[in-house]
Structure formats: C-alpha cells, structure tokens
Amino acid sequence: MRKTNLVAAVLAMLVGFCGVAGAADDPLVKALRGVVEANLTAYNAKNVDGVLSSIDTHSPDYATTKDALAEQFQNIGATAKLTDFRYIGHDDEFAVVRMKIALAGPPTSDFVDNVVDGMMVFHQENGTWKLWSEDVLGVEFTKFTPNK
C-alpha cells in the first residue's frame, strides 16, 4: 500500500511538472514559439536575412539553409503556416519541440501542398534562443489555405 501511494505521488508530481513546464504561457515556450513564428514570417516575406536571423550561426544547417533560400524563394514561392507546436523539454543547452508546418504553393505552381511533421531543436546564441536543427518525422500531402 505504501509503495502504491509513493508511485502515485511521484506520477502526480511528474504529470504536474510536465503540465507546467510545457504550458503555453511559460516564458521558454513563448520564446521558442516566437522564434518559429519569426522564422515563418520572414520565410513568407521571402526575407533571406530575416530567416537566417532566427537560426544559430553555428548550426550545422546554417550554410545549407542560406544556400537554399534564394532558390526556394525564386522557384517555389511556397507559403508556410505553423499548425501545431508542442514543447517537449530542454536541458542546460538545447530545447526541443514537435511542430507541424503546412506549406502551400501558388495556385499556378506545380508545388504539392503538404504538412511537415518534425522535431525542432533550439540553442541559445548570445543569450537568444535560435533554431539549431530540424528532423522531419513525416510529410503529409494535402491542400491547405494559407489564410485560414
């Protein structure tokens, strides 16, 4: 009986901690979401410098992203929208979220609309949270309206 109560207390504490740690009003969660939103706003404005300003310059993806942006903006013209954002956790160096981003091409393009499900890793550069890397978990091809 005593062991059951202890397990229940520990589980309650963990559930409570996870709920607080990942709450939408948590300053860290707000900061991370703000990084993603700033990145997508700059992407939709086809602002290379704006997109790059949200990425840690030491990120292993920085140079490849920089090289790919101009071509994407010129040839694809997709619009991106954050559709899901779930905080996973952090340690003393990195923070992780799971997110979904919907991408839609112009009506006259051959771009296939899709939703990317992925994990984003964040790192602080000079005291500011920035994107470090993204791992794609899956892509669902779909139709989506960017303004909804």
Protein backbone atom coordinates (compact mmCIF):
# COMPACT_ATOMS: atom_id res chain seq x y z
CA MET A 1 0.00 0.00 0.00
CA ARG A 2 2.75 2.40 0.97
CA LYS A 3 4.60 1.69 -2.34
CA THR A 4 1.42 2.35 -4.35
CA ASN A 5 0.94 5.72 -2.66
CA LEU A 6 4.57 6.66 -3.36
CA VAL A 7 4.26 5.70 -7.03
CA ALA A 8 1.01 7.66 -7.30
CA ALA A 9 2.62 10.70 -5.66
CA VAL A 10 5.63 10.58 -8.00
CA LEU A 11 3.39 10.19 -11.06
CA ALA A 12 1.21 13.09 -9.94
CA MET A 13 4.30 15.23 -9.43
CA LEU A 14 5.66 14.33 -12.89
CA VAL A 15 2.34 14.98 -14.59
CA GLY A 16 2.06 18.29 -12.79
CA PHE A 17 5.63 19.23 -13.69
CA CYS A 18 5.14 18.37 -17.36
CA GLY A 19 1.97 20.40 -17.48
CA VAL A 20 3.69 23.44 -16.01
CA ALA A 21 6.92 23.05 -17.97
CA GLY A 22 5.12 22.89 -21.30
CA ALA A 23 2.37 25.42 -20.66
CA ALA A 24 1.75 27.91 -23.45
CA ASP A 25 2.28 30.81 -21.05
CA ASP A 26 5.69 29.50 -19.92
CA PRO A 27 8.35 32.10 -20.91
CA LEU A 28 10.57 29.46 -22.54
CA VAL A 29 7.70 28.02 -24.57
CA LYS A 30 6.68 31.54 -25.66
CA ALA A 31 10.26 32.33 -26.66
CA LEU A 32 10.63 29.13 -28.70
CA ARG A 33 7.30 29.60 -30.44
CA GLY A 34 8.28 33.21 -31.16
CA VAL A 35 11.45 32.01 -32.90
CA VAL A 36 9.43 29.68 -35.14
CA GLU A 37 6.84 32.35 -35.91
CA ALA A 38 9.52 34.95 -36.73
CA ASN A 39 11.22 32.40 -38.98
CA LEU A 40 7.98 31.65 -40.85
CA THR A 41 7.05 35.34 -41.13
CA ALA A 42 10.42 36.04 -42.72
CA TYR A 43 10.08 32.97 -44.95
CA ASN A 44 6.65 34.10 -46.18
CA ALA A 45 8.08 37.58 -46.88
CA LYS A 46 10.93 35.93 -48.83
CA ASN A 47 13.37 37.69 -46.50
CA VAL A 48 16.61 35.68 -46.52
CA ASP A 49 18.25 37.78 -43.79
CA GLY A 50 15.14 37.52 -41.62
CA VAL A 51 15.07 33.73 -41.92
CA LEU A 52 18.78 33.46 -41.18
CA SER A 53 18.49 35.74 -38.14
CA SER A 54 16.33 33.08 -36.45
CA ILE A 55 18.94 30.34 -37.00
CA ASP A 56 22.01 29.87 -34.80
CA THR A 57 25.04 30.77 -36.94
CA HIS A 58 26.89 27.71 -35.55
CA SER A 59 24.06 25.37 -36.56
CA PRO A 60 25.08 22.51 -38.85
CA ASP A 61 22.13 23.58 -41.07
CA TYR A 62 23.01 27.29 -41.33
CA ALA A 63 25.10 27.23 -44.53
CA THR A 64 22.84 24.81 -46.41
CA THR A 65 19.75 26.82 -45.43
CA LYS A 66 21.41 30.04 -46.58
CA ASP A 67 22.30 28.47 -49.93
CA ALA A 68 18.83 27.00 -50.48
CA LEU A 69 16.69 30.03 -49.57
CA ALA A 70 17.25 32.15 -52.67
CA GLU A 71 16.38 29.25 -54.96
CA GLN A 72 13.31 28.36 -52.90
CA PHE A 73 12.04 31.92 -52.96
CA GLN A 74 12.63 32.28 -56.70
CA ASN A 75 11.46 28.87 -57.89
CA ILE A 76 8.93 27.60 -55.35
CA GLY A 77 7.17 30.58 -53.77
CA ALA A 78 5.51 28.47 -51.07
CA THR A 79 3.71 29.93 -48.06
CA ALA A 80 4.30 28.40 -44.63
CA LYS A 81 1.97 28.26 -41.64
CA LEU A 82 2.56 26.80 -38.17
CA THR A 83 -0.32 24.40 -37.46
CA ASP A 84 0.89 22.59 -34.34
CA PHE A 85 3.52 23.38 -31.69
CA ARG A 86 4.23 21.09 -28.75
CA TYR A 87 7.02 21.74 -26.29
CA ILE A 88 8.93 18.55 -25.44
CA GLY A 89 11.64 19.67 -23.00
CA HIS A 90 15.07 21.15 -22.51
CA ASP A 91 18.38 20.66 -20.78
CA ASP A 92 21.07 23.22 -19.98
CA GLU A 93 21.97 23.64 -23.67
CA PHE A 94 19.15 22.63 -26.02
CA ALA A 95 15.34 22.80 -26.14
CA VAL A 96 13.10 20.57 -28.27
CA VAL A 97 9.61 20.99 -29.73
CA ARG A 98 7.47 18.95 -32.05
CA MET A 99 5.75 21.02 -34.66
CA LYS A 100 3.77 20.82 -37.86
CA ILE A 101 4.17 23.35 -40.63
CA ALA A 102 1.80 23.49 -43.59
CA LEU A 103 3.27 24.59 -46.91
CA ALA A 104 1.24 25.72 -49.91
CA GLY A 105 2.45 26.75 -53.33
CA PRO A 106 0.90 29.41 -55.52
CA PRO A 107 -2.21 28.18 -57.37
CA THR A 108 -0.39 28.26 -60.71
CA SER A 109 2.65 26.29 -59.49
CA ASP A 110 3.38 22.59 -59.59
CA PHE A 111 4.18 22.64 -55.88
CA VAL A 112 2.30 19.95 -53.95
CA ASP A 113 0.84 21.34 -50.72
CA ASN A 114 1.96 19.43 -47.66
CA VAL A 115 2.26 19.36 -43.89
CA VAL A 116 5.68 18.64 -42.43
CA ASP A 117 5.72 16.92 -39.04
CA GLY A 118 9.06 17.40 -37.34
CA MET A 119 11.18 17.95 -34.29
CA MET A 120 12.97 21.27 -33.90
CA VAL A 121 16.00 21.72 -31.70
CA PHE A 122 16.83 25.17 -30.34
CA HIS A 123 20.08 26.55 -28.94
CA GLN A 124 20.96 29.88 -27.38
CA GLU A 125 23.30 32.14 -29.29
CA ASN A 126 24.45 35.14 -27.27
CA GLY A 127 21.56 34.60 -24.84
CA THR A 128 18.86 34.40 -27.53
CA TRP A 129 17.05 31.19 -28.48
CA LYS A 130 17.51 30.29 -32.13
CA LEU A 131 16.83 27.32 -34.36
CA TRP A 132 19.59 24.71 -34.31
CA SER A 133 18.24 21.83 -36.38
CA GLU A 134 15.09 20.17 -37.62
CA ASP A 135 14.38 16.49 -38.16
CA VAL A 136 11.45 15.64 -40.38
CA LEU A 137 9.31 12.83 -38.98
CA GLY A 138 6.93 12.71 -41.91
CA VAL A 139 5.23 14.64 -44.69
CA GLU A 140 1.52 14.51 -45.45
CA PHE A 141 0.50 15.80 -48.86
CA THR A 142 -2.67 17.85 -48.67
CA LYS A 143 -4.41 21.04 -49.67
CA PHE A 144 -4.41 23.97 -47.28
CA THR A 145 -5.45 27.60 -47.40
CA PRO A 146 -2.67 29.88 -46.09
CA ASN A 147 -5.02 32.50 -44.58
CA LYS A 148 -7.13 30.12 -42.52
